[in-house]
PDB file of all heavy atoms in Angstrom:
ATOM      1  N   LYS A   1      24.957  12.199  -6.308  1.00  0.00           N
ATOM      2  CA  LYS A   1      25.898  11.100  -6.473  1.00  0.00           C
ATOM      3  C   LYS A   1      25.777  10.480  -7.862  1.00  0.00           C
ATOM      4  O   LYS A   1      26.789  10.169  -8.513  1.00  0.00           O
ATOM      5  CB  LYS A   1      25.657  10.045  -5.391  1.00  0.00           C
ATOM      6  CG  LYS A   1      26.628   8.874  -5.439  1.00  0.00           C
ATOM      7  CD  LYS A   1      26.352   7.898  -4.301  1.00  0.00           C
ATOM      8  CE  LYS A   1      27.320   6.714  -4.351  1.00  0.00           C
ATOM      9  NZ  LYS A   1      27.048   5.759  -3.230  1.00  0.00           N
ATOM     10  N   LEU A   2      24.547  10.292  -8.329  1.00  0.00           N
ATOM     11  CA  LEU A   2      24.340   9.730  -9.663  1.00  0.00           C
ATOM     12  C   LEU A   2      24.816  10.693 -10.750  1.00  0.00           C
ATOM     13  O   LEU A   2      25.343  10.253 -11.779  1.00  0.00           O
ATOM     14  CB  LEU A   2      22.865   9.395  -9.863  1.00  0.00           C
ATOM     15  CG  LEU A   2      22.337   8.175  -9.094  1.00  0.00           C
ATOM     16  CD1 LEU A   2      20.821   8.057  -9.243  1.00  0.00           C
ATOM     17  CD2 LEU A   2      23.021   6.902  -9.587  1.00  0.00           C
ATOM     18  N   VAL A   3      24.645  11.991 -10.524  1.00  0.00           N
ATOM     19  CA  VAL A   3      25.127  12.979 -11.488  1.00  0.00           C
ATOM     20  C   VAL A   3      26.646  12.888 -11.605  1.00  0.00           C
ATOM     21  O   VAL A   3      27.204  12.904 -12.716  1.00  0.00           O
ATOM     22  CB  VAL A   3      24.698  14.402 -11.083  1.00  0.00           C
ATOM     23  CG1 VAL A   3      25.368  15.440 -11.990  1.00  0.00           C
ATOM     24  CG2 VAL A   3      23.176  14.544 -11.156  1.00  0.00           C
ATOM     25  N   ARG A   4      27.325  12.794 -10.456  1.00  0.00           N
ATOM     26  CA  ARG A   4      28.791  12.700 -10.481  1.00  0.00           C
ATOM     27  C   ARG A   4      29.256  11.406 -11.137  1.00  0.00           C
ATOM     28  O   ARG A   4      30.271  11.376 -11.830  1.00  0.00           O
ATOM     29  CB  ARG A   4      29.339  12.789  -9.049  1.00  0.00           C
ATOM     30  CG  ARG A   4      29.185  14.163  -8.399  1.00  0.00           C
ATOM     31  CD  ARG A   4      29.999  14.248  -7.120  1.00  0.00           C
ATOM     32  NE  ARG A   4      29.562  13.275  -6.115  1.00  0.00           N
ATOM     33  CZ  ARG A   4      28.631  13.514  -5.204  1.00  0.00           C
ATOM     34  NH1 ARG A   4      28.019  14.710  -5.178  1.00  0.00           N
ATOM     35  NH2 ARG A   4      28.309  12.593  -4.320  1.00  0.00           N
ATOM     36  N   ARG A   5      28.490  10.349 -10.953  1.00  0.00           N
ATOM     37  CA  ARG A   5      28.881   9.050 -11.486  1.00  0.00           C
ATOM     38  C   ARG A   5      28.716   8.974 -12.999  1.00  0.00           C
ATOM     39  O   ARG A   5      29.537   8.377 -13.702  1.00  0.00           O
ATOM     40  CB  ARG A   5      28.056   7.947 -10.822  1.00  0.00           C
ATOM     41  CG  ARG A   5      28.400   6.550 -11.295  1.00  0.00           C
ATOM     42  CD  ARG A   5      27.447   5.532 -10.722  1.00  0.00           C
ATOM     43  NE  ARG A   5      27.435   5.564  -9.256  1.00  0.00           N
ATOM     44  CZ  ARG A   5      26.541   4.915  -8.516  1.00  0.00           C
ATOM     45  NH1 ARG A   5      25.572   4.205  -9.109  1.00  0.00           N
ATOM     46  NH2 ARG A   5      26.591   4.973  -7.203  1.00  0.00           N
ATOM     47  N   SER A   6      27.641   9.571 -13.525  1.00  0.00           N
ATOM     48  CA  SER A   6      27.358   9.447 -14.957  1.00  0.00           C
ATOM     49  C   SER A   6      26.536  10.644 -15.417  1.00  0.00           C
ATOM     50  O   SER A   6      25.435  10.862 -14.916  1.00  0.00           O
ATOM     51  CB  SER A   6      26.590   8.157 -15.237  1.00  0.00           C
ATOM     52  OG  SER A   6      26.182   8.084 -16.589  1.00  0.00           O
ATOM     53  N   ASP A   7      27.089  11.420 -16.347  1.00  0.00           N
ATOM     54  CA  ASP A   7      26.364  12.571 -16.880  1.00  0.00           C
ATOM     55  C   ASP A   7      26.513  12.607 -18.399  1.00  0.00           C
ATOM     56  O   ASP A   7      27.552  13.001 -18.930  1.00  0.00           O
ATOM     57  CB  ASP A   7      26.895  13.876 -16.275  1.00  0.00           C
ATOM     58  CG  ASP A   7      26.124  15.087 -16.790  1.00  0.00           C
ATOM     59  OD1 ASP A   7      25.102  14.889 -17.470  1.00  0.00           O
ATOM     60  OD2 ASP A   7      26.562  16.227 -16.510  1.00  0.00           O
ATOM     61  N   PRO A   8      25.458  12.199 -19.134  1.00  0.00           N
ATOM     62  CA  PRO A   8      25.513  12.269 -20.600  1.00  0.00           C
ATOM     63  C   PRO A   8      25.405  13.693 -21.138  1.00  0.00           C
ATOM     64  O   PRO A   8      25.451  13.898 -22.351  1.00  0.00           O
ATOM     65  CB  PRO A   8      24.314  11.421 -21.036  1.00  0.00           C
ATOM     66  CG  PRO A   8      23.379  11.454 -19.876  1.00  0.00           C
ATOM     67  CD  PRO A   8      24.235  11.535 -18.647  1.00  0.00           C
ATOM     68  N   GLU A   9      25.230  14.688 -20.230  1.00  0.00           N
ATOM     69  CA  GLU A   9      25.146  16.092 -20.612  1.00  0.00           C
ATOM     70  C   GLU A   9      24.069  16.310 -21.675  1.00  0.00           C
ATOM     71  O   GLU A   9      24.331  16.767 -22.788  1.00  0.00           O
ATOM     72  CB  GLU A   9      26.504  16.611 -21.085  1.00  0.00           C
ATOM     73  CG  GLU A   9      27.568  16.551 -19.991  1.00  0.00           C
ATOM     74  CD  GLU A   9      28.860  17.231 -20.388  1.00  0.00           C
ATOM     75  OE1 GLU A   9      28.963  17.680 -21.548  1.00  0.00           O
ATOM     76  OE2 GLU A   9      29.755  17.326 -19.533  1.00  0.00           O
ATOM     77  N   ALA A  10      22.847  15.974 -21.296  1.00  0.00           N
ATOM     78  CA  ALA A  10      21.711  16.080 -22.210  1.00  0.00           C
ATOM     79  C   ALA A  10      20.562  16.809 -21.528  1.00  0.00           C
ATOM     80  O   ALA A  10      20.369  16.709 -20.313  1.00  0.00           O
ATOM     81  CB  ALA A  10      21.252  14.697 -22.662  1.00  0.00           C
ATOM     82  N   PHE A  11      19.816  17.551 -22.335  1.00  0.00           N
ATOM     83  CA  PHE A  11      18.537  18.091 -21.879  1.00  0.00           C
ATOM     84  C   PHE A  11      17.461  17.033 -22.115  1.00  0.00           C
ATOM     85  O   PHE A  11      17.520  16.262 -23.073  1.00  0.00           O
ATOM     86  CB  PHE A  11      18.162  19.351 -22.655  1.00  0.00           C
ATOM     87  CG  PHE A  11      18.944  20.570 -22.283  1.00  0.00           C
ATOM     88  CD1 PHE A  11      19.835  21.133 -23.178  1.00  0.00           C
ATOM     89  CD2 PHE A  11      18.809  21.154 -21.027  1.00  0.00           C
ATOM     90  CE1 PHE A  11      20.568  22.260 -22.844  1.00  0.00           C
ATOM     91  CE2 PHE A  11      19.536  22.280 -20.678  1.00  0.00           C
ATOM     92  CZ  PHE A  11      20.409  22.831 -21.579  1.00  0.00           C
ATOM     93  N   HIS A  12      16.485  17.018 -21.226  1.00  0.00           N
ATOM     94  CA  HIS A  12      15.323  16.159 -21.401  1.00  0.00           C
ATOM     95  C   HIS A  12      14.071  17.020 -21.405  1.00  0.00           C
ATOM     96  O   HIS A  12      13.914  17.906 -20.554  1.00  0.00           O
ATOM     97  CB  HIS A  12      15.211  15.125 -20.283  1.00  0.00           C
ATOM     98  CG  HIS A  12      13.890  14.427 -20.270  1.00  0.00           C
ATOM     99  ND1 HIS A  12      13.602  13.384 -21.112  1.00  0.00           N
ATOM    100  CD2 HIS A  12      12.754  14.672 -19.557  1.00  0.00           C
ATOM    101  CE1 HIS A  12      12.348  12.998 -20.913  1.00  0.00           C
ATOM    102  NE2 HIS A  12      11.809  13.767 -19.973  1.00  0.00           N
ATOM    103  N   LEU A  13      13.174  16.764 -22.350  1.00  0.00           N
ATOM    104  CA  LEU A  13      11.856  17.393 -22.374  1.00  0.00           C
ATOM    105  C   LEU A  13      10.813  16.291 -22.391  1.00  0.00           C
ATOM    106  O   LEU A  13      10.972  15.287 -23.101  1.00  0.00           O
ATOM    107  CB  LEU A  13      11.655  18.273 -23.610  1.00  0.00           C
ATOM    108  CG  LEU A  13      12.541  19.501 -23.783  1.00  0.00           C
ATOM    109  CD1 LEU A  13      13.859  19.145 -24.431  1.00  0.00           C
ATOM    110  CD2 LEU A  13      11.810  20.556 -24.632  1.00  0.00           C
ATOM    111  N   SER A  14       9.748  16.472 -21.625  1.00  0.00           N
ATOM    112  CA  SER A  14       8.611  15.554 -21.648  1.00  0.00           C
ATOM    113  C   SER A  14       7.359  16.346 -21.971  1.00  0.00           C
ATOM    114  O   SER A  14       7.034  17.314 -21.267  1.00  0.00           O
ATOM    115  CB  SER A  14       8.414  14.858 -20.301  1.00  0.00           C
ATOM    116  OG  SER A  14       9.424  13.922 -20.049  1.00  0.00           O
ATOM    117  N   LEU A  15       6.662  15.950 -23.035  1.00  0.00           N
ATOM    118  CA  LEU A  15       5.355  16.524 -23.348  1.00  0.00           C
ATOM    119  C   LEU A  15       4.309  15.621 -22.715  1.00  0.00           C
ATOM    120  O   LEU A  15       4.167  14.451 -23.083  1.00  0.00           O
ATOM    121  CB  LEU A  15       5.147  16.592 -24.863  1.00  0.00           C
ATOM    122  CG  LEU A  15       3.766  17.063 -25.328  1.00  0.00           C
ATOM    123  CD1 LEU A  15       3.504  18.505 -24.915  1.00  0.00           C
ATOM    124  CD2 LEU A  15       3.633  16.904 -26.849  1.00  0.00           C
ATOM    125  N   LEU A  16       3.568  16.152 -21.750  1.00  0.00           N
ATOM    126  CA  LEU A  16       2.572  15.361 -21.032  1.00  0.00           C
ATOM    127  C   LEU A  16       1.275  15.312 -21.836  1.00  0.00           C
ATOM    128  O   LEU A  16       0.666  16.347 -22.117  1.00  0.00           O
ATOM    129  CB  LEU A  16       2.320  15.969 -19.649  1.00  0.00           C
ATOM    130  CG  LEU A  16       1.415  15.200 -18.697  1.00  0.00           C
ATOM    131  CD1 LEU A  16       2.014  13.837 -18.368  1.00  0.00           C
ATOM    132  CD2 LEU A  16       1.184  16.000 -17.414  1.00  0.00           C
ATOM    133  N   LEU A  17       0.856  14.113 -22.214  1.00  0.00           N
ATOM    134  CA  LEU A  17      -0.361  13.924 -22.999  1.00  0.00           C
ATOM    135  C   LEU A  17      -1.509  13.360 -22.180  1.00  0.00           C
ATOM    136  O   LEU A  17      -2.679  13.517 -22.543  1.00  0.00           O
ATOM    137  CB  LEU A  17      -0.080  12.990 -24.183  1.00  0.00           C
ATOM    138  CG  LEU A  17       0.966  13.488 -25.180  1.00  0.00           C
ATOM    139  CD1 LEU A  17       1.192  12.457 -26.274  1.00  0.00           C
ATOM    140  CD2 LEU A  17       0.558  14.826 -25.788  1.00  0.00           C
ATOM    141  N   ARG A  18      -1.174  12.677 -21.079  1.00  0.00           N
ATOM    142  CA  ARG A  18      -2.219  12.148 -20.191  1.00  0.00           C
ATOM    143  C   ARG A  18      -1.637  12.028 -18.794  1.00  0.00           C
ATOM    144  O   ARG A  18      -0.476  11.669 -18.620  1.00  0.00           O
ATOM    145  CB  ARG A  18      -2.695  10.768 -20.674  1.00  0.00           C
ATOM    146  CG  ARG A  18      -3.856  10.208 -19.844  1.00  0.00           C
ATOM    147  CD  ARG A  18      -4.298   8.859 -20.354  1.00  0.00           C
ATOM    148  NE  ARG A  18      -3.289   7.827 -20.130  1.00  0.00           N
ATOM    149  CZ  ARG A  18      -3.533   6.519 -20.241  1.00  0.00           C
ATOM    150  NH1 ARG A  18      -4.733   6.097 -20.581  1.00  0.00           N
ATOM    151  NH2 ARG A  18      -2.572   5.638 -20.027  1.00  0.00           N
ATOM    152  N   GLY A  19      -2.448  12.355 -17.784  1.00  0.00           N
ATOM    153  CA  GLY A  19      -2.000  12.242 -16.408  1.00  0.00           C
ATOM    154  C   GLY A  19      -1.522  13.569 -15.851  1.00  0.00           C
ATOM    155  O   GLY A  19      -1.860  14.647 -16.349  1.00  0.00           O
ATOM    156  N   GLU A  20      -0.686  13.503 -14.826  1.00  0.00           N
ATOM    157  CA  GLU A  20      -0.191  14.703 -14.176  1.00  0.00           C
ATOM    158  C   GLU A  20       1.146  14.400 -13.521  1.00  0.00           C
ATOM    159  O   GLU A  20       1.508  13.233 -13.320  1.00  0.00           O
ATOM    160  CB  GLU A  20      -1.181  15.204 -13.118  1.00  0.00           C
ATOM    161  CG  GLU A  20      -1.493  14.165 -12.048  1.00  0.00           C
ATOM    162  CD  GLU A  20      -2.590  14.611 -11.111  1.00  0.00           C
ATOM    163  OE1 GLU A  20      -3.339  15.546 -11.466  1.00  0.00           O
ATOM    164  OE2 GLU A  20      -2.696  14.032 -10.017  1.00  0.00           O
ATOM    165  N   GLY A  21       1.888  15.455 -13.184  1.00  0.00           N
ATOM    166  CA  GLY A  21       3.174  15.254 -12.542  1.00  0.00           C
ATOM    167  C   GLY A  21       3.685  16.534 -11.911  1.00  0.00           C
ATOM    168  O   GLY A  21       3.187  17.631 -12.196  1.00  0.00           O
ATOM    169  N   GLU A  22       4.684  16.387 -11.046  1.00  0.00           N
ATOM    170  CA  GLU A  22       5.335  17.542 -10.441  1.00  0.00           C
ATOM    171  C   GLU A  22       6.814  17.242 -10.273  1.00  0.00           C
ATOM    172  O   GLU A  22       7.227  16.069 -10.223  1.00  0.00           O
ATOM    173  CB  GLU A  22       4.708  17.879  -9.083  1.00  0.00           C
ATOM    174  CG  GLU A  22       4.803  16.770  -8.063  1.00  0.00           C
ATOM    175  CD  GLU A  22       4.145  17.147  -6.746  1.00  0.00           C
ATOM    176  OE1 GLU A  22       3.368  18.117  -6.735  1.00  0.00           O
ATOM    177  OE2 GLU A  22       4.421  16.471  -5.743  1.00  0.00           O
ATOM    178  N   ALA A  23       7.611  18.306 -10.213  1.00  0.00           N
ATOM    179  CA  ALA A  23       9.060  18.150 -10.127  1.00  0.00           C
ATOM    180  C   ALA A  23       9.622  19.118  -9.101  1.00  0.00           C
ATOM    181  O   ALA A  23       9.057  20.192  -8.861  1.00  0.00           O
ATOM    182  CB  ALA A  23       9.704  18.398 -11.487  1.00  0.00           C
ATOM    183  N   VAL A  24      10.753  18.720  -8.514  1.00  0.00           N
ATOM    184  CA  VAL A  24      11.421  19.541  -7.502  1.00  0.00           C
ATOM    185  C   VAL A  24      12.907  19.580  -7.820  1.00  0.00           C
ATOM    186  O   VAL A  24      13.535  18.537  -8.056  1.00  0.00           O
ATOM    187  CB  VAL A  24      11.214  18.964  -6.084  1.00  0.00           C
ATOM    188  CG1 VAL A  24      11.963  19.801  -5.058  1.00  0.00           C
ATOM    189  CG2 VAL A  24       9.737  18.890  -5.738  1.00  0.00           C
ATOM    190  N   TRP A  25      13.485  20.778  -7.864  1.00  0.00           N
ATOM    191  CA  TRP A  25      14.920  20.992  -7.975  1.00  0.00           C
ATOM    192  C   TRP A  25      15.326  21.880  -6.793  1.00  0.00           C
ATOM    193  O   TRP A  25      15.162  23.102  -6.850  1.00  0.00           O
ATOM    194  CB  TRP A  25      15.299  21.726  -9.254  1.00  0.00           C
ATOM    195  CG  TRP A  25      14.917  21.048 -10.522  1.00  0.00           C
ATOM    196  CD1 TRP A  25      15.705  20.274 -11.306  1.00  0.00           C
ATOM    197  CD2 TRP A  25      13.652  21.105 -11.193  1.00  0.00           C
ATOM    198  NE1 TRP A  25      15.022  19.836 -12.410  1.00  0.00           N
ATOM    199  CE2 TRP A  25      13.752  20.335 -12.363  1.00  0.00           C
ATOM    200  CE3 TRP A  25      12.433  21.741 -10.904  1.00  0.00           C
ATOM    201  CZ2 TRP A  25      12.690  20.174 -13.245  1.00  0.00           C
ATOM    202  CZ3 TRP A  25      11.387  21.580 -11.768  1.00  0.00           C
ATOM    203  CH2 TRP A  25      11.514  20.810 -12.929  1.00  0.00           C
ATOM    204  N   GLY A  26      15.773  21.286  -5.718  1.00  0.00           N
ATOM    205  CA  GLY A  26      16.109  22.090  -4.541  1.00  0.00           C
ATOM    206  C   GLY A  26      14.881  22.821  -4.038  1.00  0.00           C
ATOM    207  O   GLY A  26      13.883  22.219  -3.660  1.00  0.00           O
ATOM    208  N   ARG A  27      14.925  24.164  -4.054  1.00  0.00           N
ATOM    209  CA  ARG A  27      13.781  24.960  -3.598  1.00  0.00           C
ATOM    210  C   ARG A  27      12.792  25.261  -4.714  1.00  0.00           C
ATOM    211  O   ARG A  27      11.741  25.851  -4.472  1.00  0.00           O
ATOM    212  CB  ARG A  27      14.282  26.285  -3.009  1.00  0.00           C
ATOM    213  CG  ARG A  27      15.152  26.118  -1.765  1.00  0.00           C
ATOM    214  CD  ARG A  27      15.591  27.469  -1.245  1.00  0.00           C
ATOM    215  NE  ARG A  27      16.415  27.329  -0.052  1.00  0.00           N
ATOM    216  CZ  ARG A  27      16.948  28.364   0.600  1.00  0.00           C
ATOM    217  NH1 ARG A  27      16.755  29.598   0.155  1.00  0.00           N
ATOM    218  NH2 ARG A  27      17.686  28.154   1.673  1.00  0.00           N
ATOM    219  N   GLN A  28      13.115  24.868  -5.931  1.00  0.00           N
ATOM    220  CA  GLN A  28      12.255  25.149  -7.080  1.00  0.00           C
ATOM    221  C   GLN A  28      11.293  23.989  -7.308  1.00  0.00           C
ATOM    222  O   GLN A  28      11.690  22.818  -7.264  1.00  0.00           O
ATOM    223  CB  GLN A  28      13.122  25.367  -8.320  1.00  0.00           C
ATOM    224  CG  GLN A  28      12.354  25.793  -9.562  1.00  0.00           C
ATOM    225  CD  GLN A  28      13.282  25.998 -10.751  1.00  0.00           C
ATOM    226  OE1 GLN A  28      14.492  25.736 -10.662  1.00  0.00           O
ATOM    227  NE2 GLN A  28      12.738  26.458 -11.859  1.00  0.00           N
ATOM    228  N   GLN A  29      10.014  24.319  -7.532  1.00  0.00           N
ATOM    229  CA  GLN A  29       8.995  23.307  -7.760  1.00  0.00           C
ATOM    230  C   GLN A  29       8.146  23.705  -8.959  1.00  0.00           C
ATOM    231  O   GLN A  29       8.002  24.885  -9.277  1.00  0.00           O
ATOM    232  CB  GLN A  29       8.086  23.145  -6.540  1.00  0.00           C
ATOM    233  CG  GLN A  29       8.793  22.670  -5.290  1.00  0.00           C
ATOM    234  CD  GLN A  29       7.819  22.475  -4.135  1.00  0.00           C
ATOM    235  OE1 GLN A  29       6.644  22.796  -4.229  1.00  0.00           O
ATOM    236  NE2 GLN A  29       8.313  21.935  -3.041  1.00  0.00           N
ATOM    237  N   ALA A  30       7.567  22.718  -9.630  1.00  0.00           N
ATOM    238  CA  ALA A  30       6.653  22.985 -10.744  1.00  0.00           C
ATOM    239  C   ALA A  30       5.685  21.823 -10.878  1.00  0.00           C
ATOM    240  O   ALA A  30       6.058  20.667 -10.667  1.00  0.00           O
ATOM    241  CB  ALA A  30       7.424  23.189 -12.042  1.00  0.00           C
ATOM    242  N   ALA A  31       4.446  22.138 -11.206  1.00  0.00           N
ATOM    243  CA  ALA A  31       3.426  21.121 -11.486  1.00  0.00           C
ATOM    244  C   ALA A  31       3.081  21.206 -12.965  1.00  0.00           C
ATOM    245  O   ALA A  31       3.135  22.287 -13.575  1.00  0.00           O
ATOM    246  CB  ALA A  31       2.193  21.348 -10.636  1.00  0.00           C
ATOM    247  N   TYR A  32       2.698  20.062 -13.538  1.00  0.00           N
ATOM    248  CA  TYR A  32       2.485  19.991 -14.974  1.00  0.00           C
ATOM    249  C   TYR A  32       1.112  19.401 -15.284  1.00  0.00           C
ATOM    250  O   TYR A  32       0.664  18.461 -14.632  1.00  0.00           O
ATOM    251  CB  TYR A  32       3.575  19.140 -15.635  1.00  0.00           C
ATOM    252  CG  TYR A  32       4.960  19.676 -15.380  1.00  0.00           C
ATOM    253  CD1 TYR A  32       5.687  19.260 -14.277  1.00  0.00           C
ATOM    254  CD2 TYR A  32       5.503  20.646 -16.214  1.00  0.00           C
ATOM    255  CE1 TYR A  32       6.944  19.770 -14.018  1.00  0.00           C
ATOM    256  CE2 TYR A  32       6.756  21.173 -15.965  1.00  0.00           C
ATOM    257  CZ  TYR A  32       7.475  20.734 -14.866  1.00  0.00           C
ATOM    258  OH  TYR A  32       8.711  21.267 -14.597  1.00  0.00           O
ATOM    259  N   GLY A  33       0.485  19.982 -16.313  1.00  0.00           N
ATOM    260  CA  GLY A  33      -0.794  19.483 -16.791  1.00  0.00           C
ATOM    261  C   GLY A  33      -0.691  19.028 -18.226  1.00  0.00           C
ATOM    262  O   GLY A  33       0.387  19.022 -18.831  1.00  0.00           O
ATOM    263  N   ILE A  34      -1.832  18.658 -18.785  1.00  0.00           N
ATOM    264  CA  ILE A  34      -1.875  18.141 -20.146  1.00  0.00           C
ATOM    265  C   ILE A  34      -1.340  19.197 -21.130  1.00  0.00           C
ATOM    266  O   ILE A  34      -1.674  20.368 -21.044  1.00  0.00           O
ATOM    267  CB  ILE A  34      -3.302  17.743 -20.528  1.00  0.00           C
ATOM    268  CG1 ILE A  34      -3.852  16.705 -19.544  1.00  0.00           C
ATOM    269  CG2 ILE A  34      -3.355  17.200 -21.966  1.00  0.00           C
ATOM    270  CD1 ILE A  34      -3.038  15.448 -19.483  1.00  0.00           C
ATOM    271  N   ARG A  35      -0.479  18.755 -22.053  1.00  0.00           N
ATOM    272  CA  ARG A  35       0.148  19.575 -23.087  1.00  0.00           C
ATOM    273  C   ARG A  35       1.142  20.576 -22.513  1.00  0.00           C
ATOM    274  O   ARG A  35       1.464  21.567 -23.165  1.00  0.00           O
ATOM    275  CB  ARG A  35      -0.911  20.287 -23.922  1.00  0.00           C
ATOM    276  CG  ARG A  35      -1.628  19.359 -24.905  1.00  0.00           C
ATOM    277  CD  ARG A  35      -0.845  19.203 -26.189  1.00  0.00           C
ATOM    278  NE  ARG A  35      -1.370  18.130 -27.036  1.00  0.00           N
ATOM    279  CZ  ARG A  35      -1.030  17.947 -28.305  1.00  0.00           C
ATOM    280  NH1 ARG A  35      -0.157  18.739 -28.876  1.00  0.00           N
ATOM    281  NH2 ARG A  35      -1.525  16.948 -28.995  1.00  0.00           N
ATOM    282  N   ASP A  36       1.645  20.316 -21.319  1.00  0.00           N
ATOM    283  CA  ASP A  36       2.776  21.073 -20.793  1.00  0.00           C
ATOM    284  C   ASP A  36       4.063  20.306 -21.074  1.00  0.00           C
ATOM    285  O   ASP A  36       4.066  19.071 -21.087  1.00  0.00           O
ATOM    286  CB  ASP A  36       2.662  21.272 -19.276  1.00  0.00           C
ATOM    287  CG  ASP A  36       1.676  22.352 -18.891  1.00  0.00           C
ATOM    288  OD1 ASP A  36       1.353  23.198 -19.756  1.00  0.00           O
ATOM    289  OD2 ASP A  36       1.225  22.350 -17.737  1.00  0.00           O
ATOM    290  N   PHE A  37       5.149  21.057 -21.285  1.00  0.00           N
ATOM    291  CA  PHE A  37       6.480  20.465 -21.372  1.00  0.00           C
ATOM    292  C   PHE A  37       7.172  20.569 -20.020  1.00  0.00           C
ATOM    293  O   PHE A  37       7.168  21.629 -19.388  1.00  0.00           O
ATOM    294  CB  PHE A  37       7.350  21.195 -22.401  1.00  0.00           C
ATOM    295  CG  PHE A  37       7.115  20.803 -23.820  1.00  0.00           C
ATOM    296  CD1 PHE A  37       6.364  21.606 -24.661  1.00  0.00           C
ATOM    297  CD2 PHE A  37       7.648  19.630 -24.337  1.00  0.00           C
ATOM    298  CE1 PHE A  37       6.160  21.263 -25.980  1.00  0.00           C
ATOM    299  CE2 PHE A  37       7.445  19.272 -25.651  1.00  0.00           C
ATOM    300  CZ  PHE A  37       6.698  20.091 -26.482  1.00  0.00           C
ATOM    301  N   HIS A  38       7.749  19.471 -19.577  1.00  0.00           N
ATOM    302  CA  HIS A  38       8.656  19.468 -18.433  1.00  0.00           C
ATOM    303  C   HIS A  38      10.078  19.426 -18.980  1.00  0.00           C
ATOM    304  O   HIS A  38      10.371  18.664 -19.904  1.00  0.00           O
ATOM    305  CB  HIS A  38       8.384  18.254 -17.546  1.00  0.00           C
ATOM    306  CG  HIS A  38       9.551  17.830 -16.725  1.00  0.00           C
ATOM    307  ND1 HIS A  38       9.986  18.549 -15.638  1.00  0.00           N
ATOM    308  CD2 HIS A  38      10.405  16.781 -16.844  1.00  0.00           C
ATOM    309  CE1 HIS A  38      11.050  17.955 -15.120  1.00  0.00           C
ATOM    310  NE2 HIS A  38      11.325  16.879 -15.833  1.00  0.00           N
ATOM    311  N   VAL A  39      10.969  20.260 -18.433  1.00  0.00           N
ATOM    312  CA  VAL A  39      12.347  20.327 -18.899  1.00  0.00           C
ATOM    313  C   VAL A  39      13.289  20.060 -17.735  1.00  0.00           C
ATOM    314  O   VAL A  39      13.174  20.679 -16.672  1.00  0.00           O
ATOM    315  CB  VAL A  39      12.672  21.715 -19.500  1.00  0.00           C
ATOM    316  CG1 VAL A  39      14.128  21.762 -19.968  1.00  0.00           C
ATOM    317  CG2 VAL A  39      11.732  22.040 -20.657  1.00  0.00           C
ATOM    318  N   ASN A  40      14.206  19.120 -17.914  1.00  0.00           N
ATOM    319  CA  ASN A  40      15.273  18.952 -16.937  1.00  0.00           C
ATOM    320  C   ASN A  40      16.579  18.658 -17.663  1.00  0.00           C
ATOM    321  O   ASN A  40      16.644  18.670 -18.893  1.00  0.00           O
ATOM    322  CB  ASN A  40      14.929  17.891 -15.882  1.00  0.00           C
ATOM    323  CG  ASN A  40      14.868  16.480 -16.440  1.00  0.00           C
ATOM    324  OD1 ASN A  40      15.638  16.107 -17.321  1.00  0.00           O
ATOM    325  ND2 ASN A  40      13.942  15.682 -15.931  1.00  0.00           N
TER     326      ASN A  40
END
């Protein structure tokens, strides 16, 4: 719903320098560690 409402049509990259994170796109999942790039 938010995508339909507003889409700046941009890629986002995050370089993780401290901490940890994980992401889910439907059935796709990924976990991230230090000095990994997350792309959405």
